[in-house]
């Protein structure tokens, strides 16, 4: 019998072949949703779609882009925000 926690679809079911040639079902965690822009909701490029435990082991540059608002805003919204801030400053 399968354990109760695997009966819901919280875990995804992956068919694997064991070294002995037997087919079994392995239960793995699902991937989280793709990261979205905080302003327009577009999918963020350069940000991995991985679980927190996997992201912790990645290097800093693989976690999000090295630019202002990297991992928060898409490049289009970031450019617009920087332009707005530059226009708002008083000389």
PDB file of N, CA and C in Angstrom:
ATOM      1  N   UNK A   1       0.842  -1.196   0.000  1.00  0.00           N
ATOM      2  CA  UNK A   1       0.000   0.000   0.000  1.00  0.00           C
ATOM      3  C   UNK A   1       0.879   1.249   0.000  1.00  0.00           C
ATOM      4  N   UNK A   2       0.371   2.263  -0.648  1.00  0.00           N
ATOM      5  CA  UNK A   2       1.089   3.525  -0.715  1.00  0.00           C
ATOM      6  C   UNK A   2       0.811   4.323   0.561  1.00  0.00           C
ATOM      7  N   UNK A   3       1.791   5.099   0.972  1.00  0.00           N
ATOM      8  CA  UNK A   3       1.607   5.928   2.166  1.00  0.00           C
ATOM      9  C   UNK A   3       0.538   6.980   1.908  1.00  0.00           C
ATOM     10  N   UNK A   4      -0.159   7.377   2.942  1.00  0.00           N
ATOM     11  CA  UNK A   4      -1.268   8.312   2.810  1.00  0.00           C
ATOM     12  C   UNK A   4      -0.880   9.647   2.208  1.00  0.00           C
ATOM     13  N   UNK A   5       0.331  10.117   2.516  1.00  0.00           N
ATOM     14  CA  UNK A   5       0.743  11.430   2.005  1.00  0.00           C
ATOM     15  C   UNK A   5       0.934  11.426   0.491  1.00  0.00           C
ATOM     16  N   UNK A   6       1.069  10.251  -0.122  1.00  0.00           N
ATOM     17  CA  UNK A   6       1.260  10.172  -1.560  1.00  0.00           C
ATOM     18  C   UNK A   6      -0.054  10.005  -2.321  1.00  0.00           C
ATOM     19  N   UNK A   7      -1.158   9.880  -1.623  1.00  0.00           N
ATOM     20  CA  UNK A   7      -2.440   9.671  -2.295  1.00  0.00           C
ATOM     21  C   UNK A   7      -2.974  10.942  -2.953  1.00  0.00           C
ATOM     22  N   UNK A   8      -2.641  12.107  -2.397  1.00  0.00           N
ATOM     23  CA  UNK A   8      -3.059  13.358  -3.037  1.00  0.00           C
ATOM     24  C   UNK A   8      -2.077  13.683  -4.152  1.00  0.00           C
ATOM     25  N   UNK A   9      -2.355  14.728  -4.899  1.00  0.00           N
ATOM     26  CA  UNK A   9      -1.464  15.085  -6.003  1.00  0.00           C
ATOM     27  C   UNK A   9      -0.443  16.147  -5.586  1.00  0.00           C
ATOM     28  N   UNK A  10      -0.170  16.252  -4.291  1.00  0.00           N
ATOM     29  CA  UNK A  10       0.881  17.152  -3.823  1.00  0.00           C
ATOM     30  C   UNK A  10       2.210  16.713  -4.406  1.00  0.00           C
ATOM     31  N   UNK A  11       2.431  15.408  -4.453  1.00  0.00           N
ATOM     32  CA  UNK A  11       3.629  14.849  -5.047  1.00  0.00           C
ATOM     33  C   UNK A  11       3.296  14.381  -6.456  1.00  0.00           C
ATOM     34  N   UNK A  12       4.227  14.563  -7.398  1.00  0.00           N
ATOM     35  CA  UNK A  12       3.994  14.073  -8.747  1.00  0.00           C
ATOM     36  C   UNK A  12       4.489  12.643  -8.836  1.00  0.00           C
ATOM     37  N   UNK A  13       3.921  11.889  -9.740  1.00  0.00           N
ATOM     38  CA  UNK A  13       4.262  10.480  -9.896  1.00  0.00           C
ATOM     39  C   UNK A  13       5.190  10.310 -11.095  1.00  0.00           C
ATOM     40  N   UNK A  14       6.341   9.706 -10.847  1.00  0.00           N
ATOM     41  CA  UNK A  14       7.342   9.503 -11.885  1.00  0.00           C
ATOM     42  C   UNK A  14       7.598   8.013 -12.003  1.00  0.00           C
ATOM     43  N   UNK A  15       7.454   7.493 -13.214  1.00  0.00           N
ATOM     44  CA  UNK A  15       7.720   6.074 -13.444  1.00  0.00           C
ATOM     45  C   UNK A  15       9.219   5.887 -13.639  1.00  0.00           C
ATOM     46  N   UNK A  16       9.821   5.026 -12.844  1.00  0.00           N
ATOM     47  CA  UNK A  16      11.260   4.766 -12.931  1.00  0.00           C
ATOM     48  C   UNK A  16      11.489   3.275 -13.109  1.00  0.00           C
ATOM     49  N   UNK A  17      12.624   2.941 -13.670  1.00  0.00           N
ATOM     50  CA  UNK A  17      13.048   1.550 -13.780  1.00  0.00           C
ATOM     51  C   UNK A  17      14.208   1.344 -12.827  1.00  0.00           C
ATOM     52  N   UNK A  18      14.075   0.409 -11.923  1.00  0.00           N
ATOM     53  CA  UNK A  18      15.115   0.129 -10.938  1.00  0.00           C
ATOM     54  C   UNK A  18      16.270  -0.614 -11.611  1.00  0.00           C
ATOM     55  N   UNK A  19      17.437  -0.660 -10.968  1.00  0.00           N
ATOM     56  CA  UNK A  19      18.563  -1.401 -11.551  1.00  0.00           C
ATOM     57  C   UNK A  19      18.246  -2.876 -11.798  1.00  0.00           C
ATOM     58  N   UNK A  20      17.300  -3.425 -11.062  1.00  0.00           N
ATOM     59  CA  UNK A  20      16.915  -4.821 -11.257  1.00  0.00           C
ATOM     60  C   UNK A  20      15.960  -5.023 -12.412  1.00  0.00           C
ATOM     61  N   UNK A  21      15.570  -3.944 -13.098  1.00  0.00           N
ATOM     62  CA  UNK A  21      14.686  -4.044 -14.240  1.00  0.00           C
ATOM     63  C   UNK A  21      13.212  -3.949 -13.891  1.00  0.00           C
ATOM     64  N   UNK A  22      12.903  -3.630 -12.647  1.00  0.00           N
ATOM     65  CA  UNK A  22      11.513  -3.556 -12.208  1.00  0.00           C
ATOM     66  C   UNK A  22      11.002  -2.124 -12.396  1.00  0.00           C
ATOM     67  N   UNK A  23       9.771  -1.975 -12.886  1.00  0.00           N
ATOM     68  CA  UNK A  23       9.171  -0.651 -13.043  1.00  0.00           C
ATOM     69  C   UNK A  23       8.434  -0.282 -11.770  1.00  0.00           C
ATOM     70  N   UNK A  24       8.714   0.910 -11.260  1.00  0.00           N
ATOM     71  CA  UNK A  24       8.078   1.371 -10.032  1.00  0.00           C
ATOM     72  C   UNK A  24       7.642   2.816 -10.194  1.00  0.00           C
ATOM     73  N   UNK A  25       6.798   3.269  -9.295  1.00  0.00           N
ATOM     74  CA  UNK A  25       6.388   4.669  -9.275  1.00  0.00           C
ATOM     75  C   UNK A  25       7.127   5.356  -8.135  1.00  0.00           C
ATOM     76  N   UNK A  26       7.821   6.432  -8.471  1.00  0.00           N
ATOM     77  CA  UNK A  26       8.537   7.237  -7.483  1.00  0.00           C
ATOM     78  C   UNK A  26       7.757   8.523  -7.295  1.00  0.00           C
ATOM     79  N   UNK A  27       7.671   9.018  -6.078  1.00  0.00           N
ATOM     80  CA  UNK A  27       6.934  10.240  -5.765  1.00  0.00           C
ATOM     81  C   UNK A  27       7.928  11.358  -5.512  1.00  0.00           C
ATOM     82  N   UNK A  28       7.812  12.437  -6.280  1.00  0.00           N
ATOM     83  CA  UNK A  28       8.727  13.569  -6.151  1.00  0.00           C
ATOM     84  C   UNK A  28       7.944  14.854  -5.963  1.00  0.00           C
ATOM     85  N   UNK A  29       8.606  15.841  -5.384  1.00  0.00           N
ATOM     86  CA  UNK A  29       7.971  17.139  -5.189  1.00  0.00           C
ATOM     87  C   UNK A  29       7.723  17.811  -6.539  1.00  0.00           C
ATOM     88  N   UNK A  30       6.652  18.560  -6.632  1.00  0.00           N
ATOM     89  CA  UNK A  30       6.369  19.321  -7.841  1.00  0.00           C
ATOM     90  C   UNK A  30       7.227  20.580  -7.868  1.00  0.00           C
ATOM     91  N   UNK A  31       7.499  21.074  -9.056  1.00  0.00           N
ATOM     92  CA  UNK A  31       8.233  22.329  -9.190  1.00  0.00           C
ATOM     93  C   UNK A  31       7.287  23.490  -8.897  1.00  0.00           C
ATOM     94  N   UNK A  32       7.810  24.581  -8.327  1.00  0.00           N
ATOM     95  CA  UNK A  32       6.951  25.746  -8.104  1.00  0.00           C
ATOM     96  C   UNK A  32       6.637  26.449  -9.417  1.00  0.00           C
ATOM     97  N   UNK A  33       5.694  27.365  -9.376  1.00  0.00           N
ATOM     98  CA  UNK A  33       5.310  28.128 -10.554  1.00  0.00           C
ATOM     99  C   UNK A  33       6.465  29.012 -11.014  1.00  0.00           C
ATOM    100  N   UNK A  34       6.432  29.408 -12.264  1.00  0.00           N
ATOM    101  CA  UNK A  34       7.490  30.262 -12.792  1.00  0.00           C
ATOM    102  C   UNK A  34       7.421  31.633 -12.138  1.00  0.00           C
ATOM    103  N   UNK A  35       8.588  32.245 -11.844  1.00  0.00           N
ATOM    104  CA  UNK A  35       8.572  33.566 -11.228  1.00  0.00           C
ATOM    105  C   UNK A  35       8.029  34.604 -12.194  1.00  0.00           C
ATOM    106  N   UNK A  36       7.252  35.541 -11.665  1.00  0.00           N
ATOM    107  CA  UNK A  36       6.593  36.561 -12.474  1.00  0.00           C
ATOM    108  C   UNK A  36       7.075  37.955 -12.084  1.00  0.00           C
ATOM    109  N   UNK A  37       6.960  38.879 -13.038  1.00  0.00           N
ATOM    110  CA  UNK A  37       7.301  40.287 -12.810  1.00  0.00           C
ATOM    111  C   UNK A  37       6.307  40.877 -11.813  1.00  0.00           C
ATOM    112  N   UNK A  38       6.817  41.670 -10.875  1.00  0.00           N
ATOM    113  CA  UNK A  38       5.960  42.277  -9.870  1.00  0.00           C
ATOM    114  C   UNK A  38       5.064  43.364 -10.423  1.00  0.00           C
ATOM    115  N   UNK A  39       5.392  43.891 -11.593  1.00  0.00           N
ATOM    116  CA  UNK A  39       4.634  44.982 -12.168  1.00  0.00           C
ATOM    117  C   UNK A  39       3.630  44.506 -13.211  1.00  0.00           C
ATOM    118  N   UNK A  40       4.124  43.804 -14.233  1.00  0.00           N
ATOM    119  CA  UNK A  40       3.237  43.428 -15.346  1.00  0.00           C
ATOM    120  C   UNK A  40       2.832  41.959 -15.336  1.00  0.00           C
ATOM    121  N   UNK A  41       3.505  41.122 -14.563  1.00  0.00           N
ATOM    122  CA  UNK A  41       3.147  39.711 -14.472  1.00  0.00           C
ATOM    123  C   UNK A  41       3.780  38.831 -15.528  1.00  0.00           C
ATOM    124  N   UNK A  42       4.738  39.364 -16.292  1.00  0.00           N
ATOM    125  CA  UNK A  42       5.426  38.566 -17.308  1.00  0.00           C
ATOM    126  C   UNK A  42       6.383  37.582 -16.636  1.00  0.00           C
ATOM    127  N   UNK A  43       6.686  36.489 -17.325  1.00  0.00           N
ATOM    128  CA  UNK A  43       7.622  35.491 -16.800  1.00  0.00           C
ATOM    129  C   UNK A  43       9.014  36.096 -16.768  1.00  0.00           C
ATOM    130  N   UNK A  44       9.722  35.951 -15.634  1.00  0.00           N
ATOM    131  CA  UNK A  44      11.062  36.505 -15.492  1.00  0.00           C
ATOM    132  C   UNK A  44      12.087  35.589 -16.139  1.00  0.00           C
ATOM    133  N   UNK A  45      12.938  36.179 -16.965  1.00  0.00           N
ATOM    134  CA  UNK A  45      14.015  35.427 -17.606  1.00  0.00           C
ATOM    135  C   UNK A  45      15.201  35.361 -16.656  1.00  0.00           C
ATOM    136  N   UNK A  46      15.935  34.269 -16.692  1.00  0.00           N
ATOM    137  CA  UNK A  46      17.151  34.141 -15.898  1.00  0.00           C
ATOM    138  C   UNK A  46      16.931  33.781 -14.445  1.00  0.00           C
ATOM    139  N   UNK A  47      15.692  33.486 -14.059  1.00  0.00           N
ATOM    140  CA  UNK A  47      15.397  33.087 -12.685  1.00  0.00           C
ATOM    141  C   UNK A  47      14.956  31.630 -12.734  1.00  0.00           C
ATOM    142  N   UNK A  48      15.615  30.730 -11.998  1.00  0.00           N
ATOM    143  CA  UNK A  48      15.293  29.311 -12.114  1.00  0.00           C
ATOM    144  C   UNK A  48      13.928  28.958 -11.533  1.00  0.00           C
ATOM    145  N   UNK A  49      13.337  27.938 -12.109  1.00  0.00           N
ATOM    146  CA  UNK A  49      12.078  27.400 -11.599  1.00  0.00           C
ATOM    147  C   UNK A  49      12.435  26.187 -10.763  1.00  0.00           C
ATOM    148  N   UNK A  50      12.838  26.431  -9.539  1.00  0.00           N
ATOM    149  CA  UNK A  50      13.324  25.354  -8.688  1.00  0.00           C
ATOM    150  C   UNK A  50      12.818  25.546  -7.260  1.00  0.00           C
ATOM    151  N   UNK A  51      12.909  24.461  -6.483  1.00  0.00           N
ATOM    152  CA  UNK A  51      12.509  24.523  -5.084  1.00  0.00           C
ATOM    153  C   UNK A  51      13.534  25.315  -4.285  1.00  0.00           C
ATOM    154  N   UNK A  52      13.124  25.831  -3.143  1.00  0.00           N
ATOM    155  CA  UNK A  52      13.994  26.657  -2.306  1.00  0.00           C
ATOM    156  C   UNK A  52      15.269  25.909  -1.929  1.00  0.00           C
ATOM    157  N   UNK A  53      15.163  24.634  -1.620  1.00  0.00           N
ATOM    158  CA  UNK A  53      16.331  23.852  -1.218  1.00  0.00           C
ATOM    159  C   UNK A  53      17.334  23.710  -2.355  1.00  0.00           C
ATOM    160  N   UNK A  54      16.864  23.731  -3.602  1.00  0.00           N
ATOM    161  CA  UNK A  54      17.767  23.649  -4.746  1.00  0.00           C
ATOM    162  C   UNK A  54      18.399  25.015  -5.034  1.00  0.00           C
ATOM    163  N   UNK A  55      17.637  26.078  -4.858  1.00  0.00           N
ATOM    164  CA  UNK A  55      18.138  27.427  -5.121  1.00  0.00           C
ATOM    165  C   UNK A  55      19.233  27.807  -4.129  1.00  0.00           C
ATOM    166  N   UNK A  56      19.130  27.343  -2.900  1.00  0.00           N
ATOM    167  CA  UNK A  56      20.122  27.655  -1.875  1.00  0.00           C
ATOM    168  C   UNK A  56      21.506  27.166  -2.295  1.00  0.00           C
ATOM    169  N   UNK A  57      21.567  26.032  -2.989  1.00  0.00           N
ATOM    170  CA  UNK A  57      22.841  25.452  -3.392  1.00  0.00           C
ATOM    171  C   UNK A  57      23.378  26.006  -4.706  1.00  0.00           C
ATOM    172  N   UNK A  58      22.641  26.898  -5.360  1.00  0.00           N
ATOM    173  CA  UNK A  58      23.097  27.489  -6.618  1.00  0.00           C
ATOM    174  C   UNK A  58      24.004  28.679  -6.340  1.00  0.00           C
ATOM    175  N   UNK A  59      24.902  29.015  -7.272  1.00  0.00           N
ATOM    176  CA  UNK A  59      25.694  30.222  -7.103  1.00  0.00           C
ATOM    177  C   UNK A  59      24.810  31.462  -7.217  1.00  0.00           C
ATOM    178  N   UNK A  60      25.300  32.570  -6.686  1.00  0.00           N
ATOM    179  CA  UNK A  60      24.525  33.809  -6.618  1.00  0.00           C
ATOM    180  C   UNK A  60      24.047  34.273  -7.996  1.00  0.00           C
ATOM    181  N   UNK A  61      24.908  34.154  -9.007  1.00  0.00           N
ATOM    182  CA  UNK A  61      24.546  34.646 -10.324  1.00  0.00           C
ATOM    183  C   UNK A  61      23.530  33.762 -11.028  1.00  0.00           C
ATOM    184  N   UNK A  62      23.345  32.537 -10.577  1.00  0.00           N
ATOM    185  CA  UNK A  62      22.345  31.652 -11.178  1.00  0.00           C
ATOM    186  C   UNK A  62      20.968  31.862 -10.563  1.00  0.00           C
ATOM    187  N   UNK A  63      20.900  32.561  -9.447  1.00  0.00           N
ATOM    188  CA  UNK A  63      19.622  32.741  -8.753  1.00  0.00           C
ATOM    189  C   UNK A  63      18.765  33.834  -9.374  1.00  0.00           C
ATOM    190  N   UNK A  64      19.401  34.908  -9.847  1.00  0.00           N
ATOM    191  CA  UNK A  64      18.665  35.996 -10.471  1.00  0.00           C
ATOM    192  C   UNK A  64      19.646  36.853 -11.251  1.00  0.00           C
ATOM    193  N   UNK A  65      19.169  37.672 -12.198  1.00  0.00           N
ATOM    194  CA  UNK A  65      20.065  38.502 -13.009  1.00  0.00           C
ATOM    195  C   UNK A  65      20.782  39.559 -12.180  1.00  0.00           C
ATOM    196  N   UNK A  66      21.990  39.889 -12.585  1.00  0.00           N
ATOM    197  CA  UNK A  66      22.801  40.905 -11.895  1.00  0.00           C
ATOM    198  C   UNK A  66      22.497  42.279 -12.476  1.00  0.00           C
ATOM    199  N   UNK A  67      21.367  42.834 -12.115  1.00  0.00           N
ATOM    200  CA  UNK A  67      20.990  44.179 -12.555  1.00  0.00           C
ATOM    201  C   UNK A  67      20.015  44.749 -11.533  1.00  0.00           C
ATOM    202  N   UNK A  68      19.763  46.053 -11.575  1.00  0.00           N
ATOM    203  CA  UNK A  68      18.794  46.620 -10.633  1.00  0.00           C
ATOM    204  C   UNK A  68      17.436  45.931 -10.785  1.00  0.00           C
ATOM    205  N   UNK A  69      16.810  45.629  -9.671  1.00  0.00           N
ATOM    206  CA  UNK A  69      15.513  44.951  -9.613  1.00  0.00           C
ATOM    207  C   UNK A  69      15.559  43.549 -10.245  1.00  0.00           C
ATOM    208  N   UNK A  70      16.742  42.939 -10.301  1.00  0.00           N
ATOM    209  CA  UNK A  70      16.878  41.600 -10.862  1.00  0.00           C
ATOM    210  C   UNK A  70      16.115  40.583 -10.025  1.00  0.00           C
ATOM    211  N   UNK A  71      15.306  39.783 -10.666  1.00  0.00           N
ATOM    212  CA  UNK A  71      14.502  38.788  -9.970  1.00  0.00           C
ATOM    213  C   UNK A  71      13.201  39.332  -9.430  1.00  0.00           C
ATOM    214  N   UNK A  72      12.933  40.626  -9.649  1.00  0.00           N
ATOM    215  CA  UNK A  72      11.699  41.243  -9.165  1.00  0.00           C
ATOM    216  C   UNK A  72      10.896  41.808 -10.332  1.00  0.00           C
ATOM    217  N   UNK A  73      11.571  42.582 -11.200  1.00  0.00           N
ATOM    218  CA  UNK A  73      10.919  43.172 -12.368  1.00  0.00           C
ATOM    219  C   UNK A  73      11.525  42.620 -13.648  1.00  0.00           C
ATOM    220  N   UNK A  74      10.719  42.553 -14.705  1.00  0.00           N
ATOM    221  CA  UNK A  74      11.255  42.178 -16.006  1.00  0.00           C
ATOM    222  C   UNK A  74      12.072  43.355 -16.542  1.00  0.00           C
ATOM    223  N   UNK A  75      12.870  43.107 -17.578  1.00  0.00           N
ATOM    224  CA  UNK A  75      13.771  44.149 -18.065  1.00  0.00           C
ATOM    225  C   UNK A  75      13.003  45.357 -18.605  1.00  0.00           C
ATOM    226  N   UNK A  76      11.858  45.132 -19.206  1.00  0.00           N
ATOM    227  CA  UNK A  76      11.047  46.229 -19.755  1.00  0.00           C
ATOM    228  C   UNK A  76      10.548  47.147 -18.640  1.00  0.00           C
ATOM    229  N   UNK A  77       9.997  46.564 -17.569  1.00  0.00           N
ATOM    230  CA  UNK A  77       9.486  47.357 -16.441  1.00  0.00           C
ATOM    231  C   UNK A  77      10.634  48.020 -15.674  1.00  0.00           C
ATOM    232  N   UNK A  78      11.787  47.325 -15.595  1.00  0.00           N
ATOM    233  CA  UNK A  78      12.949  47.888 -14.911  1.00  0.00           C
ATOM    234  C   UNK A  78      13.409  49.156 -15.616  1.00  0.00           C
ATOM    235  N   UNK A  79      13.479  49.109 -16.950  1.00  0.00           N
ATOM    236  CA  UNK A  79      13.891  50.286 -17.718  1.00  0.00           C
ATOM    237  C   UNK A  79      12.916  51.438 -17.519  1.00  0.00           C
ATOM    238  N   UNK A  80      11.632  51.133 -17.536  1.00  0.00           N
ATOM    239  CA  UNK A  80      10.616  52.177 -17.345  1.00  0.00           C
ATOM    240  C   UNK A  80      10.727  52.796 -15.958  1.00  0.00           C
ATOM    241  N   UNK A  81      10.965  51.976 -14.937  1.00  0.00           N
ATOM    242  CA  UNK A  81      11.072  52.479 -13.568  1.00  0.00           C
ATOM    243  C   UNK A  81      12.299  53.380 -13.402  1.00  0.00           C
ATOM    244  N   UNK A  82      13.436  52.981 -13.998  1.00  0.00           N
ATOM    245  CA  UNK A  82      14.649  53.789 -13.905  1.00  0.00           C
ATOM    246  C   UNK A  82      14.453  55.121 -14.627  1.00  0.00           C
ATOM    247  N   UNK A  83      13.765  55.105 -15.780  1.00  0.00           N
ATOM    248  CA  UNK A  83      13.483  56.350 -16.506  1.00  0.00           C
ATOM    249  C   UNK A  83      12.591  57.272 -15.679  1.00  0.00           C
ATOM    250  N   UNK A  84      11.564  56.695 -15.050  1.00  0.00           N
ATOM    251  CA  UNK A  84      10.669  57.498 -14.219  1.00  0.00           C
ATOM    252  C   UNK A  84      11.413  58.125 -13.045  1.00  0.00           C
ATOM    253  N   UNK A  85      12.288  57.350 -12.419  1.00  0.00           N
ATOM    254  CA  UNK A  85      13.068  57.881 -11.289  1.00  0.00           C
ATOM    255  C   UNK A  85      13.994  58.991 -11.743  1.00  0.00           C
ATOM    256  N   UNK A  86      14.594  58.860 -12.901  1.00  0.00           N
ATOM    257  CA  UNK A  86      15.499  59.897 -13.415  1.00  0.00           C
ATOM    258  C   UNK A  86      14.742  61.171 -13.737  1.00  0.00           C
ATOM    259  N   UNK A  87      13.520  61.033 -14.218  1.00  0.00           N
ATOM    260  CA  UNK A  87      12.700  62.221 -14.565  1.00  0.00           C
ATOM    261  C   UNK A  87      12.156  62.909 -13.318  1.00  0.00           C
ATOM    262  N   UNK A  88      12.005  62.153 -12.224  1.00  0.00           N
ATOM    263  CA  UNK A  88      11.463  62.714 -10.972  1.00  0.00           C
ATOM    264  C   UNK A  88      12.500  63.492 -10.172  1.00  0.00           C
ATOM    265  N   UNK A  89      13.790  63.191 -10.344  1.00  0.00           N
ATOM    266  CA  UNK A  89      14.822  63.841  -9.540  1.00  0.00           C
ATOM    267  C   UNK A  89      14.934  65.312  -9.883  1.00  0.00           C
ATOM    268  N   UNK A  90      15.148  66.119  -8.832  1.00  0.00           N
ATOM    269  CA  UNK A  90      15.307  67.566  -9.014  1.00  0.00           C
ATOM    270  C   UNK A  90      16.783  67.899  -9.029  1.00  0.00           C
ATOM    271  N   UNK A  91      17.164  68.807  -9.880  1.00  0.00           N
ATOM    272  CA  UNK A  91      18.573  69.207  -9.979  1.00  0.00           C
ATOM    273  C   UNK A  91      18.837  70.441  -9.123  1.00  0.00           C
TER     274      UNK A  91
END
